[in-house]
PDB file of N, CA and C in Angstrom:
ATOM      1  N   MET A   1      16.899   3.730  33.425  1.00  0.00           N
ATOM      2  CA  MET A   1      16.399   3.711  32.108  1.00  0.00           C
ATOM      3  C   MET A   1      16.836   2.404  31.424  1.00  0.00           C
ATOM      4  N   THR A   2      15.920   1.754  30.658  1.00  0.00           N
ATOM      5  CA  THR A   2      16.265   0.511  30.007  1.00  0.00           C
ATOM      6  C   THR A   2      16.581   0.727  28.563  1.00  0.00           C
ATOM      7  N   ASP A   3      17.519   0.113  28.000  1.00  0.00           N
ATOM      8  CA  ASP A   3      17.812   0.202  26.607  1.00  0.00           C
ATOM      9  C   ASP A   3      17.311  -0.962  25.782  1.00  0.00           C
ATOM     10  N   SER A   4      16.022  -1.274  25.906  1.00  0.00           N
ATOM     11  CA  SER A   4      15.505  -2.385  25.173  1.00  0.00           C
ATOM     12  C   SER A   4      15.235  -1.880  23.673  1.00  0.00           C
ATOM     13  N   ALA A   5      15.371  -2.796  22.756  1.00  0.00           N
ATOM     14  CA  ALA A   5      15.172  -2.535  21.352  1.00  0.00           C
ATOM     15  C   ALA A   5      13.721  -2.185  21.099  1.00  0.00           C
ATOM     16  N   PRO A   6      13.507  -1.160  20.235  1.00  0.00           N
ATOM     17  CA  PRO A   6      12.096  -0.884  19.949  1.00  0.00           C
ATOM     18  C   PRO A   6      11.418  -1.912  19.113  1.00  0.00           C
ATOM     19  N   LYS A   7      10.092  -2.137  19.362  1.00  0.00           N
ATOM     20  CA  LYS A   7       9.293  -3.127  18.604  1.00  0.00           C
ATOM     21  C   LYS A   7       8.993  -2.473  17.279  1.00  0.00           C
ATOM     22  N   LEU A   8       9.527  -3.126  16.108  1.00  0.00           N
ATOM     23  CA  LEU A   8       9.372  -2.605  14.795  1.00  0.00           C
ATOM     24  C   LEU A   8       7.958  -3.096  14.181  1.00  0.00           C
ATOM     25  N   GLY A   9       7.364  -4.087  14.713  1.00  0.00           N
ATOM     26  CA  GLY A   9       6.115  -4.581  14.181  1.00  0.00           C
ATOM     27  C   GLY A   9       5.955  -6.011  14.427  1.00  0.00           C
ATOM     28  N   PRO A  10       4.871  -6.616  13.979  1.00  0.00           N
ATOM     29  CA  PRO A  10       4.695  -8.027  14.205  1.00  0.00           C
ATOM     30  C   PRO A  10       5.699  -8.859  13.297  1.00  0.00           C
ATOM     31  N   GLU A  11       6.111 -10.064  13.887  1.00  0.00           N
ATOM     32  CA  GLU A  11       7.098 -10.906  13.203  1.00  0.00           C
ATOM     33  C   GLU A  11       6.418 -11.642  12.130  1.00  0.00           C
ATOM     34  N   CYS A  12       7.124 -11.791  10.983  1.00  0.00           N
ATOM     35  CA  CYS A  12       6.615 -12.581   9.869  1.00  0.00           C
ATOM     36  C   CYS A  12       6.671 -14.061  10.292  1.00  0.00           C
ATOM     37  N   PRO A  13       5.610 -14.795  10.016  1.00  0.00           N
ATOM     38  CA  PRO A  13       5.634 -16.301  10.298  1.00  0.00           C
ATOM     39  C   PRO A  13       6.658 -17.084   9.518  1.00  0.00           C
ATOM     40  N   ALA A  14       6.975 -16.565   8.305  1.00  0.00           N
ATOM     41  CA  ALA A  14       7.946 -17.330   7.499  1.00  0.00           C
ATOM     42  C   ALA A  14       9.361 -17.010   7.853  1.00  0.00           C
ATOM     43  N   CYS A  15       9.783 -15.868   7.908  1.00  0.00           N
ATOM     44  CA  CYS A  15      11.212 -15.444   8.150  1.00  0.00           C
ATOM     45  C   CYS A  15      11.545 -15.053   9.540  1.00  0.00           C
ATOM     46  N   GLY A  16      10.510 -14.672  10.383  1.00  0.00           N
ATOM     47  CA  GLY A  16      10.763 -14.274  11.746  1.00  0.00           C
ATOM     48  C   GLY A  16      11.146 -12.804  11.938  1.00  0.00           C
ATOM     49  N   GLU A  17      11.347 -12.100  10.808  1.00  0.00           N
ATOM     50  CA  GLU A  17      11.749 -10.723  10.891  1.00  0.00           C
ATOM     51  C   GLU A  17      10.586  -9.886  11.303  1.00  0.00           C
ATOM     52  N   PRO A  18      10.834  -8.767  11.975  1.00  0.00           N
ATOM     53  CA  PRO A  18       9.658  -7.928  12.515  1.00  0.00           C
ATOM     54  C   PRO A  18       9.255  -6.881  11.440  1.00  0.00           C
ATOM     55  N   TRP A  19       9.008  -7.330  10.266  1.00  0.00           N
ATOM     56  CA  TRP A  19       8.709  -6.340   9.110  1.00  0.00           C
ATOM     57  C   TRP A  19       7.364  -6.691   8.466  1.00  0.00           C
ATOM     58  N   LEU A  20       6.353  -7.236   9.187  1.00  0.00           N
ATOM     59  CA  LEU A  20       5.042  -7.472   8.692  1.00  0.00           C
ATOM     60  C   LEU A  20       4.252  -6.171   8.692  1.00  0.00           C
ATOM     61  N   ARG A  21       3.745  -5.776   7.531  1.00  0.00           N
ATOM     62  CA  ARG A  21       3.034  -4.538   7.348  1.00  0.00           C
ATOM     63  C   ARG A  21       1.696  -4.759   6.725  1.00  0.00           C
ATOM     64  N   PRO A  22       0.609  -4.001   7.159  1.00  0.00           N
ATOM     65  CA  PRO A  22      -0.673  -4.128   6.465  1.00  0.00           C
ATOM     66  C   PRO A  22      -0.664  -3.633   5.036  1.00  0.00           C
ATOM     67  N   THR A  23      -1.438  -4.207   4.154  1.00  0.00           N
ATOM     68  CA  THR A  23      -1.473  -3.732   2.794  1.00  0.00           C
ATOM     69  C   THR A  23      -2.789  -2.898   2.649  1.00  0.00           C
ATOM     70  N   ALA A  24      -3.051  -2.484   1.404  1.00  0.00           N
ATOM     71  CA  ALA A  24      -4.204  -1.660   1.143  1.00  0.00           C
ATOM     72  C   ALA A  24      -5.543  -2.472   1.312  1.00  0.00           C
ATOM     73  N   ALA A  25      -5.458  -3.759   1.123  1.00  0.00           N
ATOM     74  CA  ALA A  25      -6.676  -4.601   1.267  1.00  0.00           C
ATOM     75  C   ALA A  25      -6.847  -4.972   2.770  1.00  0.00           C
ATOM     76  N   PRO A  26      -8.066  -4.895   3.337  1.00  0.00           N
ATOM     77  CA  PRO A  26      -8.319  -5.154   4.721  1.00  0.00           C
ATOM     78  C   PRO A  26      -7.980  -6.574   5.081  1.00  0.00           C
ATOM     79  N   GLY A  27      -7.290  -6.791   6.146  1.00  0.00           N
ATOM     80  CA  GLY A  27      -6.953  -8.092   6.630  1.00  0.00           C
ATOM     81  C   GLY A  27      -5.840  -8.841   5.901  1.00  0.00           C
ATOM     82  N   ARG A  28      -5.126  -8.054   5.082  1.00  0.00           N
ATOM     83  CA  ARG A  28      -4.007  -8.590   4.312  1.00  0.00           C
ATOM     84  C   ARG A  28      -2.719  -7.942   4.805  1.00  0.00           C
ATOM     85  N   TYR A  29      -1.638  -8.737   4.879  1.00  0.00           N
ATOM     86  CA  TYR A  29      -0.367  -8.251   5.305  1.00  0.00           C
ATOM     87  C   TYR A  29       0.745  -8.799   4.306  1.00  0.00           C
ATOM     88  N   ARG A  30       1.847  -8.061   4.376  1.00  0.00           N
ATOM     89  CA  ARG A  30       2.998  -8.448   3.561  1.00  0.00           C
ATOM     90  C   ARG A  30       4.278  -8.258   4.337  1.00  0.00           C
ATOM     91  N   CYS A  31       5.206  -9.195   4.243  1.00  0.00           N
ATOM     92  CA  CYS A  31       6.471  -8.997   4.907  1.00  0.00           C
ATOM     93  C   CYS A  31       7.340  -8.202   4.012  1.00  0.00           C
ATOM     94  N   VAL A  32       7.858  -7.004   4.388  1.00  0.00           N
ATOM     95  CA  VAL A  32       8.683  -6.314   3.571  1.00  0.00           C
ATOM     96  C   VAL A  32      10.191  -6.798   3.476  1.00  0.00           C
ATOM     97  N   TYR A  33      10.466  -7.842   4.216  1.00  0.00           N
ATOM     98  CA  TYR A  33      11.758  -8.509   4.160  1.00  0.00           C
ATOM     99  C   TYR A  33      11.848  -9.678   3.185  1.00  0.00           C
ATOM    100  N   CYS A  34      10.892 -10.623   3.294  1.00  0.00           N
ATOM    101  CA  CYS A  34      10.884 -11.763   2.421  1.00  0.00           C
ATOM    102  C   CYS A  34       9.766 -11.696   1.424  1.00  0.00           C
ATOM    103  N   LEU A  35       8.907 -10.666   1.455  1.00  0.00           N
ATOM    104  CA  LEU A  35       7.833 -10.398   0.530  1.00  0.00           C
ATOM    105  C   LEU A  35       6.749 -11.452   0.449  1.00  0.00           C
ATOM    106  N   GLN A  36       6.658 -12.264   1.481  1.00  0.00           N
ATOM    107  CA  GLN A  36       5.520 -13.281   1.642  1.00  0.00           C
ATOM    108  C   GLN A  36       4.234 -12.549   2.031  1.00  0.00           C
ATOM    109  N   ARG A  37       3.123 -12.945   1.452  1.00  0.00           N
ATOM    110  CA  ARG A  37       1.795 -12.250   1.695  1.00  0.00           C
ATOM    111  C   ARG A  37       1.017 -13.216   2.589  1.00  0.00           C
ATOM    112  N   TYR A  38       0.109 -12.528   3.392  1.00  0.00           N
ATOM    113  CA  TYR A  38      -0.663 -13.346   4.379  1.00  0.00           C
ATOM    114  C   TYR A  38      -2.058 -12.607   4.442  1.00  0.00           C
ATOM    115  N   GLU A  39      -3.026 -13.454   4.875  1.00  0.00           N
ATOM    116  CA  GLU A  39      -4.339 -12.903   5.216  1.00  0.00           C
ATOM    117  C   GLU A  39      -4.703 -13.293   6.601  1.00  0.00           C
ATOM    118  N   LEU A  40      -5.409 -12.476   7.279  1.00  0.00           N
ATOM    119  CA  LEU A  40      -5.958 -12.694   8.666  1.00  0.00           C
ATOM    120  C   LEU A  40      -7.163 -13.636   8.583  1.00  0.00           C
ATOM    121  N   VAL A  41      -7.079 -14.707   9.232  1.00  0.00           N
ATOM    122  CA  VAL A  41      -8.219 -15.661   9.264  1.00  0.00           C
ATOM    123  C   VAL A  41      -8.946 -15.679  10.603  1.00  0.00           C
ATOM    124  N   SER A  42     -10.245 -16.103  10.592  1.00  0.00           N
ATOM    125  CA  SER A  42     -11.022 -16.085  11.805  1.00  0.00           C
ATOM    126  C   SER A  42     -10.833 -17.320  12.623  1.00  0.00           C
ATOM    127  N   VAL A  43     -10.381 -18.440  12.081  1.00  0.00           N
ATOM    128  CA  VAL A  43     -10.118 -19.637  12.833  1.00  0.00           C
ATOM    129  C   VAL A  43      -8.607 -19.934  12.887  1.00  0.00           C
ATOM    130  N   CYS A  44      -8.150 -20.127  14.122  1.00  0.00           N
ATOM    131  CA  CYS A  44      -6.753 -20.303  14.380  1.00  0.00           C
ATOM    132  C   CYS A  44      -6.259 -21.639  13.691  1.00  0.00           C
ATOM    133  N   PRO A  45      -5.167 -21.562  12.806  1.00  0.00           N
ATOM    134  CA  PRO A  45      -4.728 -22.828  12.225  1.00  0.00           C
ATOM    135  C   PRO A  45      -4.031 -23.786  13.174  1.00  0.00           C
ATOM    136  N   ASN A  46      -3.670 -23.276  14.401  1.00  0.00           N
ATOM    137  CA  ASN A  46      -2.941 -24.101  15.340  1.00  0.00           C
ATOM    138  C   ASN A  46      -3.951 -24.941  16.276  1.00  0.00           C
ATOM    139  N   CYS A  47      -4.936 -24.164  16.793  1.00  0.00           N
ATOM    140  CA  CYS A  47      -5.817 -24.847  17.799  1.00  0.00           C
ATOM    141  C   CYS A  47      -7.280 -24.905  17.343  1.00  0.00           C
ATOM    142  N   GLY A  48      -7.668 -24.215  16.285  1.00  0.00           N
ATOM    143  CA  GLY A  48      -9.008 -24.232  15.756  1.00  0.00           C
ATOM    144  C   GLY A  48      -9.929 -23.355  16.486  1.00  0.00           C
ATOM    145  N   GLU A  49      -9.430 -22.482  17.386  1.00  0.00           N
ATOM    146  CA  GLU A  49     -10.347 -21.555  18.141  1.00  0.00           C
ATOM    147  C   GLU A  49     -10.793 -20.438  17.228  1.00  0.00           C
ATOM    148  N   HIS A  50     -12.122 -20.122  17.254  1.00  0.00           N
ATOM    149  CA  HIS A  50     -12.645 -19.061  16.433  1.00  0.00           C
ATOM    150  C   HIS A  50     -12.457 -17.691  17.065  1.00  0.00           C
ATOM    151  N   SER A  51     -12.160 -16.685  16.356  1.00  0.00           N
ATOM    152  CA  SER A  51     -11.953 -15.320  16.831  1.00  0.00           C
ATOM    153  C   SER A  51     -12.527 -14.351  15.929  1.00  0.00           C
ATOM    154  N   THR A  52     -13.041 -13.226  16.429  1.00  0.00           N
ATOM    155  CA  THR A  52     -13.557 -12.124  15.629  1.00  0.00           C
ATOM    156  C   THR A  52     -12.432 -11.386  14.972  1.00  0.00           C
ATOM    157  N   ILE A  53     -12.535 -11.128  13.722  1.00  0.00           N
ATOM    158  CA  ILE A  53     -11.391 -10.367  13.027  1.00  0.00           C
ATOM    159  C   ILE A  53     -11.709  -8.939  13.034  1.00  0.00           C
ATOM    160  N   VAL A  54     -10.767  -8.166  13.577  1.00  0.00           N
ATOM    161  CA  VAL A  54     -10.825  -6.727  13.569  1.00  0.00           C
ATOM    162  C   VAL A  54      -9.959  -6.305  12.435  1.00  0.00           C
ATOM    163  N   ARG A  55     -10.448  -5.730  11.438  1.00  0.00           N
ATOM    164  CA  ARG A  55      -9.704  -5.441  10.181  1.00  0.00           C
ATOM    165  C   ARG A  55      -9.058  -4.026  10.113  1.00  0.00           C
ATOM    166  N   MET A  56      -9.145  -3.333  11.191  1.00  0.00           N
ATOM    167  CA  MET A  56      -8.463  -2.000  11.276  1.00  0.00           C
ATOM    168  C   MET A  56      -7.034  -2.248  11.413  1.00  0.00           C
ATOM    169  N   SER A  57      -6.182  -1.864  10.409  1.00  0.00           N
ATOM    170  CA  SER A  57      -4.839  -2.196  10.330  1.00  0.00           C
ATOM    171  C   SER A  57      -4.020  -1.763  11.606  1.00  0.00           C
ATOM    172  N   SER A  58      -4.433  -0.590  12.175  1.00  0.00           N
ATOM    173  CA  SER A  58      -3.656  -0.145  13.287  1.00  0.00           C
ATOM    174  C   SER A  58      -3.884  -0.938  14.605  1.00  0.00           C
ATOM    175  N   THR A  59      -5.059  -1.608  14.708  1.00  0.00           N
ATOM    176  CA  THR A  59      -5.416  -2.343  15.863  1.00  0.00           C
ATOM    177  C   THR A  59      -5.541  -3.838  15.661  1.00  0.00           C
ATOM    178  N   ALA A  60      -5.260  -4.319  14.535  1.00  0.00           N
ATOM    179  CA  ALA A  60      -5.471  -5.748  14.226  1.00  0.00           C
ATOM    180  C   ALA A  60      -4.552  -6.575  15.093  1.00  0.00           C
ATOM    181  N   ILE A  61      -5.101  -7.656  15.689  1.00  0.00           N
ATOM    182  CA  ILE A  61      -4.361  -8.615  16.469  1.00  0.00           C
ATOM    183  C   ILE A  61      -4.092  -9.868  15.642  1.00  0.00           C
ATOM    184  N   VAL A  62      -2.766 -10.153  15.435  1.00  0.00           N
ATOM    185  CA  VAL A  62      -2.468 -11.301  14.585  1.00  0.00           C
ATOM    186  C   VAL A  62      -2.201 -12.543  15.346  1.00  0.00           C
ATOM    187  N   ALA A  63      -2.321 -12.556  16.737  1.00  0.00           N
ATOM    188  CA  ALA A  63      -2.115 -13.727  17.548  1.00  0.00           C
ATOM    189  C   ALA A  63      -3.354 -14.255  18.109  1.00  0.00           C
ATOM    190  N   CYS A  64      -3.504 -15.561  18.198  1.00  0.00           N
ATOM    191  CA  CYS A  64      -4.656 -16.205  18.777  1.00  0.00           C
ATOM    192  C   CYS A  64      -4.764 -15.919  20.218  1.00  0.00           C
ATOM    193  N   ASN A  65      -5.973 -15.593  20.705  1.00  0.00           N
ATOM    194  CA  ASN A  65      -6.166 -15.254  22.141  1.00  0.00           C
ATOM    195  C   ASN A  65      -6.066 -16.552  22.991  1.00  0.00           C
ATOM    196  N   HIS A  66      -6.298 -17.689  22.377  1.00  0.00           N
ATOM    197  CA  HIS A  66      -6.315 -18.994  23.120  1.00  0.00           C
ATOM    198  C   HIS A  66      -4.932 -19.582  23.288  1.00  0.00           C
ATOM    199  N   CYS A  67      -4.189 -19.780  22.084  1.00  0.00           N
ATOM    200  CA  CYS A  67      -2.905 -20.466  22.125  1.00  0.00           C
ATOM    201  C   CYS A  67      -1.734 -19.521  21.727  1.00  0.00           C
ATOM    202  N   GLN A  68      -2.021 -18.297  21.482  1.00  0.00           N
ATOM    203  CA  GLN A  68      -0.958 -17.241  21.138  1.00  0.00           C
ATOM    204  C   GLN A  68      -0.283 -17.603  19.708  1.00  0.00           C
ATOM    205  N   GLY A  69      -0.846 -18.546  18.949  1.00  0.00           N
ATOM    206  CA  GLY A  69      -0.310 -18.848  17.629  1.00  0.00           C
ATOM    207  C   GLY A  69      -0.683 -17.775  16.672  1.00  0.00           C
ATOM    208  N   SER A  70      -0.059 -17.802  15.472  1.00  0.00           N
ATOM    209  CA  SER A  70      -0.387 -16.764  14.400  1.00  0.00           C
ATOM    210  C   SER A  70      -1.774 -17.031  13.775  1.00  0.00           C
ATOM    211  N   MET A  71      -2.468 -15.966  13.554  1.00  0.00           N
ATOM    212  CA  MET A  71      -3.761 -16.024  12.904  1.00  0.00           C
ATOM    213  C   MET A  71      -3.626 -15.730  11.458  1.00  0.00           C
ATOM    214  N   LEU A  72      -2.415 -15.735  10.942  1.00  0.00           N
ATOM    215  CA  LEU A  72      -2.097 -15.375   9.586  1.00  0.00           C
ATOM    216  C   LEU A  72      -1.996 -16.560   8.741  1.00  0.00           C
ATOM    217  N   ARG A  73      -2.546 -16.666   7.500  1.00  0.00           N
ATOM    218  CA  ARG A  73      -2.430 -17.710   6.548  1.00  0.00           C
ATOM    219  C   ARG A  73      -1.768 -17.240   5.327  1.00  0.00           C
ATOM    220  N   ALA A  74      -0.755 -17.898   4.815  1.00  0.00           N
ATOM    221  CA  ALA A  74       0.018 -17.570   3.588  1.00  0.00           C
ATOM    222  C   ALA A  74      -0.990 -17.483   2.498  1.00  0.00           C
ATOM    223  N   VAL A  75      -0.822 -16.499   1.613  1.00  0.00           N
ATOM    224  CA  VAL A  75      -1.652 -16.433   0.467  1.00  0.00           C
ATOM    225  C   VAL A  75      -0.901 -16.812  -0.813  1.00  0.00           C
TER     226      VAL A  75
END
């Protein structure tokens, strides 16, 4: 049996803590550690690759499929 730490959630791009949570607005996230707000964008800020946004909070993918960079933009 492995004793790996449980994954608490996506990491915040600003502080790196795993406390990024969806808000009531679709495609919006907030870090409950540093309180920074983000929105999910369709074009990757790192590589410019376009991606379809799935705004269901339980299945949203916040990493670029091409470069694995964050698809979140600070609001």
